[in-house]
Structure formats: structure tokens, C-alpha cells
Amino acid sequence: MEYAVSKARRPSRRVLALGSLLCFSALIGCGGPATDRVPVAGEVTIDGQPLDRGSIEFHPDGEEGTVTGGVIREGTFEIPATQGAKPGKYSVRIFASSGGVEAEPDEPPGPEAEGQVAEERIPAKYNTETELSADIGEQGAVDLRFEVNSN
């Protein structure tokens, strides 16, 4: 049994294309940016010299927010907006290990592995007990500068 489809009932290609275009346009226009995070970048020096390697963390002040961070290489760090901070006030933590010998994977850290685990080069006042802060604006902050001392 054959069924005949009249041209009057079948939508034209032009109508289908227009409908697809409208649906696609609606999807693009509704989402906007997937996040309200902004880029964060800057410099870190230790004793007046660029910090060779380390990490930096931005912890939001107050109860709400998400911690973000990045790697410091040759005194600079750059966190793109996709992983960046939301605008607001942050406490900043900087870490850098001594580059000592790492512990063996099969050995737990502790007295048995003494001398095997790298030690922190940055004093606690710049990380676990930080005195550093940053105010991240609506457009981000790409010119931050943190100066730390090894003592």
C-alpha cells in the first residue's frame, strides 16, 4: 500500500531551515557566559627575585565562594577566566617546595621517610597563616604583585 504525501502538507526546506536557525539562535543567545569567573594573573617574587616555581591559591573571604589557583613559573602566574576567580575579596596563599628528594611511592611520609619529603620554602605567613590578600574586580585582575621573604 502506497501513501501519497501532498506538497501542501510537507514543510518546505526553507521553512525547516528557518526553524532550525531560530532554535539554534535561541540556544546561543540564552546561555551567555557559562560562568561569572574572571582572569587572574600577576607576579610573585621571593627576596626580590622572581619565584622560580610554586603555586598560588585564592581563598574567598567569607562563607561563600570557590577556591581557585594556579602554577607559578619563573615569577609569573596566569589563571584564565574558565578557572579564574569570581569578583570579590580573597586571601592569597603561596607555596613552593625546596625541591628536595620526593618520598618513595611505597613509603608513607613520616619518621621512616625523614629527609625524603621536600620542605616548604615559603614561610607560613604567606600560606597557611597568610597575611596576603587580593581584591578581584568585575573585569578580573591581571597585574597582581606579591612580594614574599624567605624569613
N, C-alpha and C. Protein backbone atom coordinates (compact mmCIF):
# COMPACT_ATOMS: atom_id res chain seq x y z
N MET A 1 0.84 -1.17 0.00
CA MET A 1 0.00 0.00 0.00
C MET A 1 0.89 1.24 0.00
N GLU A 2 0.66 2.14 -0.90
CA GLU A 2 1.45 3.35 -1.01
C GLU A 2 0.65 4.53 -0.50
N TYR A 3 1.37 5.42 0.14
CA TYR A 3 0.73 6.64 0.61
C TYR A 3 1.33 7.80 -0.16
N ALA A 4 0.52 8.63 -0.58
CA ALA A 4 0.97 9.81 -1.30
C ALA A 4 0.98 10.98 -0.34
N VAL A 5 2.08 11.71 -0.34
CA VAL A 5 2.18 12.89 0.52
C VAL A 5 2.06 14.10 -0.39
N SER A 6 1.12 14.89 -0.04
CA SER A 6 0.93 16.08 -0.88
C SER A 6 1.95 17.13 -0.51
N LYS A 7 2.32 17.94 -1.47
CA LYS A 7 3.27 19.01 -1.25
C LYS A 7 2.72 20.05 -0.28
N ALA A 8 1.44 20.14 -0.19
CA ALA A 8 0.83 21.14 0.68
C ALA A 8 1.08 20.79 2.15
N ARG A 9 1.20 19.53 2.49
CA ARG A 9 1.39 19.12 3.89
C ARG A 9 2.86 19.04 4.29
N ARG A 10 3.76 18.89 3.36
CA ARG A 10 5.18 18.76 3.67
C ARG A 10 5.78 20.17 3.79
N PRO A 11 6.48 20.44 4.91
CA PRO A 11 7.09 21.77 5.05
C PRO A 11 8.23 21.92 4.04
N SER A 12 8.36 23.10 3.55
CA SER A 12 9.41 23.36 2.56
C SER A 12 10.78 23.36 3.24
N ARG A 13 11.79 23.19 2.46
CA ARG A 13 13.15 23.23 3.01
C ARG A 13 13.46 24.57 3.63
N ARG A 14 12.92 25.58 3.02
CA ARG A 14 13.15 26.94 3.53
C ARG A 14 12.56 27.10 4.93
N VAL A 15 11.37 26.56 5.16
CA VAL A 15 10.72 26.64 6.47
C VAL A 15 11.50 25.83 7.49
N LEU A 16 11.96 24.63 7.11
CA LEU A 16 12.76 23.80 8.01
C LEU A 16 14.08 24.49 8.37
N ALA A 17 14.73 25.07 7.39
CA ALA A 17 15.99 25.76 7.64
C ALA A 17 15.79 26.96 8.55
N LEU A 18 14.73 27.71 8.32
CA LEU A 18 14.43 28.87 9.16
C LEU A 18 14.13 28.43 10.59
N GLY A 19 13.36 27.37 10.75
CA GLY A 19 13.04 26.86 12.09
C GLY A 19 14.28 26.39 12.82
N SER A 20 15.16 25.68 12.12
CA SER A 20 16.41 25.22 12.72
C SER A 20 17.28 26.40 13.14
N LEU A 21 17.36 27.40 12.28
CA LEU A 21 18.16 28.57 12.58
C LEU A 21 17.62 29.31 13.81
N LEU A 22 16.31 29.44 13.92
CA LEU A 22 15.71 30.10 15.07
C LEU A 22 15.99 29.33 16.36
N CYS A 23 15.86 28.01 16.32
CA CYS A 23 16.15 27.19 17.51
C CYS A 23 17.61 27.33 17.92
N PHE A 24 18.52 27.26 16.95
CA PHE A 24 19.94 27.39 17.23
C PHE A 24 20.26 28.77 17.80
N SER A 25 19.68 29.81 17.23
CA SER A 25 19.91 31.17 17.71
C SER A 25 19.41 31.34 19.14
N ALA A 26 18.29 30.73 19.45
CA ALA A 26 17.75 30.82 20.80
C ALA A 26 18.68 30.16 21.80
N LEU A 27 19.26 29.03 21.43
CA LEU A 27 20.18 28.35 22.33
C LEU A 27 21.43 29.17 22.58
N ILE A 28 21.97 29.78 21.55
CA ILE A 28 23.17 30.60 21.70
C ILE A 28 22.89 31.83 22.54
N GLY A 29 21.81 32.49 22.31
CA GLY A 29 21.51 33.75 22.98
C GLY A 29 21.11 33.60 24.43
N CYS A 30 20.62 32.45 24.83
CA CYS A 30 20.11 32.29 26.19
C CYS A 30 21.19 32.05 27.22
N GLY A 31 22.25 31.37 26.83
CA GLY A 31 23.21 30.93 27.82
C GLY A 31 24.11 32.01 28.35
N GLY A 32 24.58 32.86 27.50
CA GLY A 32 25.57 33.83 27.91
C GLY A 32 26.80 33.09 28.39
N PRO A 33 27.67 33.74 29.14
CA PRO A 33 28.83 33.04 29.65
C PRO A 33 28.40 31.96 30.64
N ALA A 34 29.08 30.85 30.58
CA ALA A 34 28.73 29.73 31.47
C ALA A 34 29.15 30.01 32.90
N THR A 35 29.92 31.04 33.11
CA THR A 35 30.42 31.32 34.45
C THR A 35 30.63 32.83 34.60
N ASP A 36 30.70 33.25 35.84
CA ASP A 36 30.99 34.66 36.08
C ASP A 36 32.40 34.83 36.63
N ARG A 37 33.26 33.87 36.32
CA ARG A 37 34.65 33.93 36.73
C ARG A 37 35.43 34.88 35.82
N VAL A 38 36.51 35.42 36.35
CA VAL A 38 37.33 36.37 35.61
C VAL A 38 38.80 35.94 35.67
N PRO A 39 39.63 36.42 34.73
CA PRO A 39 41.04 36.02 34.74
C PRO A 39 41.81 36.67 35.89
N VAL A 40 42.82 35.93 36.34
CA VAL A 40 43.69 36.42 37.41
C VAL A 40 45.12 36.10 37.00
N ALA A 41 46.00 37.09 37.08
CA ALA A 41 47.40 36.88 36.70
C ALA A 41 48.27 37.88 37.44
N GLY A 42 49.56 37.58 37.48
CA GLY A 42 50.47 38.50 38.12
C GLY A 42 51.85 37.93 38.33
N GLU A 43 52.56 38.54 39.28
CA GLU A 43 53.95 38.18 39.56
C GLU A 43 54.13 37.84 41.04
N VAL A 44 55.09 36.96 41.30
CA VAL A 44 55.46 36.61 42.67
C VAL A 44 56.98 36.65 42.76
N THR A 45 57.49 37.41 43.74
CA THR A 45 58.93 37.44 43.99
C THR A 45 59.21 36.93 45.39
N ILE A 46 60.38 36.36 45.55
CA ILE A 46 60.86 35.94 46.87
C ILE A 46 62.23 36.58 47.07
N ASP A 47 62.37 37.33 48.13
CA ASP A 47 63.60 38.05 48.44
C ASP A 47 64.03 38.92 47.25
N GLY A 48 63.07 39.52 46.57
CA GLY A 48 63.35 40.43 45.47
C GLY A 48 63.59 39.78 44.12
N GLN A 49 63.57 38.45 44.06
CA GLN A 49 63.81 37.73 42.81
C GLN A 49 62.54 36.97 42.40
N PRO A 50 62.30 36.77 41.10
CA PRO A 50 61.13 36.00 40.68
C PRO A 50 61.14 34.60 41.31
N LEU A 51 60.02 34.17 41.84
CA LEU A 51 59.90 32.83 42.40
C LEU A 51 59.99 31.83 41.25
N ASP A 52 60.97 30.94 41.31
CA ASP A 52 61.22 30.03 40.18
C ASP A 52 60.05 29.10 39.91
N ARG A 53 59.47 28.52 40.94
CA ARG A 53 58.33 27.62 40.76
C ARG A 53 57.55 27.55 42.06
N GLY A 54 56.26 27.30 41.94
CA GLY A 54 55.41 27.19 43.12
C GLY A 54 53.95 27.17 42.70
N SER A 55 53.11 27.43 43.67
CA SER A 55 51.67 27.50 43.38
C SER A 55 51.06 28.65 44.17
N ILE A 56 49.94 29.12 43.66
CA ILE A 56 49.22 30.21 44.31
C ILE A 56 47.75 29.84 44.39
N GLU A 57 47.14 30.15 45.53
CA GLU A 57 45.72 29.86 45.76
C GLU A 57 45.00 31.13 46.18
N PHE A 58 43.78 31.27 45.71
CA PHE A 58 42.92 32.39 46.08
C PHE A 58 41.72 31.82 46.84
N HIS A 59 41.63 32.14 48.15
CA HIS A 59 40.55 31.65 49.00
C HIS A 59 39.59 32.81 49.27
N PRO A 60 38.31 32.65 48.91
CA PRO A 60 37.36 33.75 49.10
C PRO A 60 37.19 34.09 50.57
N ASP A 61 37.13 35.40 50.86
CA ASP A 61 36.84 35.85 52.22
C ASP A 61 35.37 35.60 52.49
N GLY A 62 35.05 35.17 53.67
CA GLY A 62 33.65 34.91 54.00
C GLY A 62 33.29 33.46 53.77
N GLU A 63 32.00 33.17 53.88
CA GLU A 63 31.50 31.81 53.81
C GLU A 63 31.33 31.27 52.39
N GLU A 64 31.03 32.13 51.44
CA GLU A 64 30.71 31.68 50.09
C GLU A 64 31.89 31.86 49.14
N GLY A 65 31.89 31.04 48.10
CA GLY A 65 32.89 31.19 47.06
C GLY A 65 33.63 29.90 46.81
N THR A 66 34.45 29.93 45.79
CA THR A 66 35.22 28.77 45.37
C THR A 66 36.70 29.11 45.36
N VAL A 67 37.50 28.22 45.90
CA VAL A 67 38.95 28.39 45.87
C VAL A 67 39.43 28.16 44.45
N THR A 68 40.35 28.99 44.00
CA THR A 68 40.96 28.79 42.69
C THR A 68 42.45 29.00 42.84
N GLY A 69 43.20 28.59 41.86
CA GLY A 69 44.64 28.75 41.95
C GLY A 69 45.33 28.36 40.67
N GLY A 70 46.66 28.44 40.72
CA GLY A 70 47.43 28.13 39.54
C GLY A 70 48.89 27.89 39.87
N VAL A 71 49.66 27.69 38.85
CA VAL A 71 51.08 27.39 38.97
C VAL A 71 51.88 28.67 38.76
N ILE A 72 52.93 28.81 39.55
CA ILE A 72 53.87 29.92 39.39
C ILE A 72 55.10 29.37 38.68
N ARG A 73 55.46 30.00 37.58
CA ARG A 73 56.66 29.63 36.82
C ARG A 73 57.45 30.89 36.52
N GLU A 74 58.71 30.86 36.91
CA GLU A 74 59.61 32.00 36.65
C GLU A 74 59.00 33.32 37.08
N GLY A 75 58.35 33.29 38.23
CA GLY A 75 57.82 34.51 38.82
C GLY A 75 56.46 34.97 38.34
N THR A 76 55.83 34.23 37.44
CA THR A 76 54.52 34.66 36.96
C THR A 76 53.49 33.54 37.08
N PHE A 77 52.25 33.95 37.17
CA PHE A 77 51.13 33.01 37.17
C PHE A 77 50.02 33.60 36.31
N GLU A 78 49.24 32.73 35.72
CA GLU A 78 48.13 33.16 34.88
C GLU A 78 47.01 32.14 35.00
N ILE A 79 45.86 32.60 35.47
CA ILE A 79 44.69 31.74 35.63
C ILE A 79 43.62 32.28 34.68
N PRO A 80 43.26 31.52 33.64
CA PRO A 80 42.26 32.01 32.69
C PRO A 80 40.88 32.11 33.32
N ALA A 81 40.01 32.86 32.70
CA ALA A 81 38.66 33.07 33.24
C ALA A 81 37.91 31.76 33.46
N THR A 82 38.17 30.77 32.63
CA THR A 82 37.45 29.50 32.79
C THR A 82 37.74 28.84 34.13
N GLN A 83 38.91 29.07 34.71
CA GLN A 83 39.24 28.56 36.03
C GLN A 83 39.46 29.68 37.04
N GLY A 84 39.25 30.91 36.62
CA GLY A 84 39.56 32.08 37.43
C GLY A 84 38.69 32.26 38.66
N ALA A 85 38.78 33.42 39.23
CA ALA A 85 38.05 33.77 40.44
C ALA A 85 36.78 34.54 40.10
N LYS A 86 35.85 34.49 41.01
CA LYS A 86 34.68 35.36 40.89
C LYS A 86 35.06 36.69 41.54
N PRO A 87 34.53 37.78 41.07
CA PRO A 87 34.88 39.07 41.66
C PRO A 87 34.63 39.07 43.18
N GLY A 88 35.58 39.64 43.91
CA GLY A 88 35.45 39.72 45.37
C GLY A 88 36.81 39.81 46.04
N LYS A 89 36.77 39.69 47.37
CA LYS A 89 37.99 39.77 48.18
C LYS A 89 38.47 38.36 48.52
N TYR A 90 39.80 38.17 48.44
CA TYR A 90 40.40 36.86 48.64
C TYR A 90 41.62 36.94 49.56
N SER A 91 41.84 35.88 50.31
CA SER A 91 43.14 35.70 50.96
C SER A 91 43.97 34.87 49.99
N VAL A 92 45.26 35.16 49.93
CA VAL A 92 46.14 34.55 48.94
C VAL A 92 47.17 33.70 49.66
N ARG A 93 47.39 32.49 49.15
CA ARG A 93 48.37 31.57 49.71
C ARG A 93 49.37 31.18 48.63
N ILE A 94 50.65 31.27 48.98
CA ILE A 94 51.72 30.94 48.05
C ILE A 94 52.55 29.81 48.65
N PHE A 95 52.82 28.80 47.83
CA PHE A 95 53.58 27.63 48.26
C PHE A 95 54.71 27.38 47.28
N ALA A 96 55.84 26.88 47.79
CA ALA A 96 56.97 26.46 46.95
C ALA A 96 57.82 25.49 47.75
N SER A 97 57.96 24.29 47.25
CA SER A 97 58.76 23.29 47.97
C SER A 97 60.24 23.53 47.71
N SER A 98 61.06 22.93 48.56
CA SER A 98 62.51 23.10 48.46
C SER A 98 63.11 22.38 47.28
N GLY A 99 62.32 21.49 46.66
CA GLY A 99 62.84 20.74 45.53
C GLY A 99 63.68 19.56 45.96
N GLY A 100 63.54 19.15 47.23
CA GLY A 100 64.28 18.00 47.74
C GLY A 100 63.80 16.71 47.10
N VAL A 101 64.37 15.63 47.55
CA VAL A 101 64.01 14.31 47.03
C VAL A 101 62.61 13.95 47.48
N GLU A 102 61.80 13.49 46.57
CA GLU A 102 60.43 13.11 46.92
C GLU A 102 60.42 11.74 47.57
N ALA A 103 59.40 11.50 48.41
CA ALA A 103 59.27 10.22 49.09
C ALA A 103 59.01 9.11 48.08
N GLU A 104 59.47 7.91 48.42
CA GLU A 104 59.20 6.75 47.58
C GLU A 104 57.71 6.48 47.57
N PRO A 105 57.12 6.08 46.43
CA PRO A 105 55.67 5.88 46.35
C PRO A 105 55.16 4.81 47.31
N ASP A 106 56.00 3.80 47.64
CA ASP A 106 55.55 2.72 48.52
C ASP A 106 55.73 3.05 50.00
N GLU A 107 56.42 4.16 50.30
CA GLU A 107 56.67 4.52 51.69
C GLU A 107 55.76 5.66 52.13
N PRO A 108 55.13 5.51 53.28
CA PRO A 108 54.32 6.63 53.79
C PRO A 108 55.23 7.72 54.32
N PRO A 109 54.79 8.97 54.25
CA PRO A 109 55.61 10.02 54.85
C PRO A 109 55.64 9.84 56.37
N GLY A 110 56.68 10.26 56.98
CA GLY A 110 56.80 10.13 58.43
C GLY A 110 58.25 9.93 58.80
N PRO A 111 58.49 9.50 60.05
CA PRO A 111 59.88 9.35 60.52
C PRO A 111 60.71 8.42 59.64
N GLU A 112 60.07 7.38 59.08
CA GLU A 112 60.81 6.45 58.24
C GLU A 112 61.32 7.13 56.97
N ALA A 113 60.60 8.11 56.49
CA ALA A 113 60.95 8.79 55.25
C ALA A 113 61.62 10.13 55.51
N GLU A 114 62.13 10.32 56.74
CA GLU A 114 62.74 11.59 57.11
C GLU A 114 63.83 11.98 56.10
N GLY A 115 63.81 13.20 55.68
CA GLY A 115 64.77 13.69 54.71
C GLY A 115 64.37 13.40 53.27
N GLN A 116 63.30 12.69 53.07
CA GLN A 116 62.87 12.32 51.73
C GLN A 116 61.82 13.29 51.18
N VAL A 117 61.04 13.92 52.03
CA VAL A 117 59.96 14.79 51.60
C VAL A 117 60.47 16.23 51.49
N ALA A 118 60.16 16.89 50.39
CA ALA A 118 60.58 18.27 50.19
C ALA A 118 59.92 19.18 51.22
N GLU A 119 60.66 20.17 51.69
CA GLU A 119 60.14 21.10 52.68
C GLU A 119 59.66 22.38 52.00
N GLU A 120 58.74 23.06 52.68
CA GLU A 120 58.17 24.31 52.18
C GLU A 120 59.21 25.43 52.33
N ARG A 121 59.46 26.18 51.25
CA ARG A 121 60.40 27.31 51.27
C ARG A 121 59.74 28.61 51.70
N ILE A 122 58.44 28.68 51.56
CA ILE A 122 57.72 29.93 51.83
C ILE A 122 57.21 29.89 53.27
N PRO A 123 57.49 30.92 54.07
CA PRO A 123 57.01 30.94 55.45
C PRO A 123 55.48 30.90 55.55
N ALA A 124 55.00 30.40 56.66
CA ALA A 124 53.56 30.22 56.90
C ALA A 124 52.78 31.53 56.77
N LYS A 125 53.42 32.67 57.05
CA LYS A 125 52.69 33.95 56.97
C LYS A 125 52.26 34.28 55.54
N TYR A 126 52.75 33.49 54.56
CA TYR A 126 52.35 33.69 53.17
C TYR A 126 51.49 32.53 52.64
N ASN A 127 51.23 31.51 53.47
CA ASN A 127 50.38 30.41 53.02
C ASN A 127 49.41 29.96 54.12
N THR A 128 49.76 29.03 54.97
CA THR A 128 48.79 28.50 55.94
C THR A 128 48.29 29.55 56.93
N GLU A 129 49.10 30.56 57.21
CA GLU A 129 48.71 31.66 58.10
C GLU A 129 48.83 32.98 57.34
N THR A 130 48.33 33.00 56.14
CA THR A 130 48.59 34.10 55.21
C THR A 130 48.20 35.48 55.70
N GLU A 131 49.03 36.44 55.30
CA GLU A 131 48.77 37.85 55.51
C GLU A 131 48.46 38.53 54.18
N LEU A 132 48.51 37.75 53.09
CA LEU A 132 48.32 38.29 51.74
C LEU A 132 46.85 38.32 51.36
N SER A 133 46.47 39.33 50.59
CA SER A 133 45.08 39.43 50.13
C SER A 133 45.05 40.05 48.73
N ALA A 134 43.90 39.88 48.10
CA ALA A 134 43.69 40.46 46.77
C ALA A 134 42.22 40.80 46.60
N ASP A 135 41.97 41.88 45.88
CA ASP A 135 40.60 42.29 45.54
C ASP A 135 40.45 42.10 44.04
N ILE A 136 39.61 41.15 43.65
CA ILE A 136 39.41 40.84 42.24
C ILE A 136 38.19 41.59 41.74
N GLY A 137 38.38 42.43 40.73
CA GLY A 137 37.30 43.26 40.20
C GLY A 137 36.44 42.54 39.17
N GLU A 138 35.44 43.23 38.68
CA GLU A 138 34.49 42.67 37.71
C GLU A 138 35.16 42.24 36.40
N GLN A 139 36.28 42.88 36.04
CA GLN A 139 36.99 42.54 34.81
C GLN A 139 38.17 41.61 35.06
N GLY A 140 38.37 41.23 36.32
CA GLY A 140 39.49 40.38 36.68
C GLY A 140 40.63 41.21 37.23
N ALA A 141 41.75 40.56 37.46
CA ALA A 141 42.95 41.22 37.96
C ALA A 141 44.14 40.55 37.29
N VAL A 142 44.79 41.23 36.38
CA VAL A 142 45.90 40.63 35.64
C VAL A 142 47.23 41.31 35.91
N ASP A 143 47.28 42.15 36.93
CA ASP A 143 48.52 42.83 37.25
C ASP A 143 48.83 42.75 38.75
N LEU A 144 48.46 41.62 39.37
CA LEU A 144 48.72 41.44 40.80
C LEU A 144 50.22 41.25 41.02
N ARG A 145 50.71 41.68 42.17
CA ARG A 145 52.12 41.52 42.51
C ARG A 145 52.21 41.15 43.99
N PHE A 146 52.89 40.03 44.24
CA PHE A 146 53.08 39.58 45.62
C PHE A 146 54.57 39.44 45.88
N GLU A 147 55.04 40.10 46.94
CA GLU A 147 56.45 40.04 47.33
C GLU A 147 56.53 39.32 48.65
N VAL A 148 57.28 38.19 48.68
CA VAL A 148 57.43 37.42 49.90
C VAL A 148 58.91 37.35 50.26
N ASN A 149 59.19 37.09 51.52
CA ASN A 149 60.56 36.92 52.01
C ASN A 149 60.73 35.52 52.56
N SER A 150 61.90 34.96 52.41
CA SER A 150 62.12 33.59 52.85
C SER A 150 62.28 33.48 54.37
N ASN A 151 62.34 34.60 55.06
CA ASN A 151 62.46 34.51 56.53
C ASN A 151 61.35 35.25 57.21
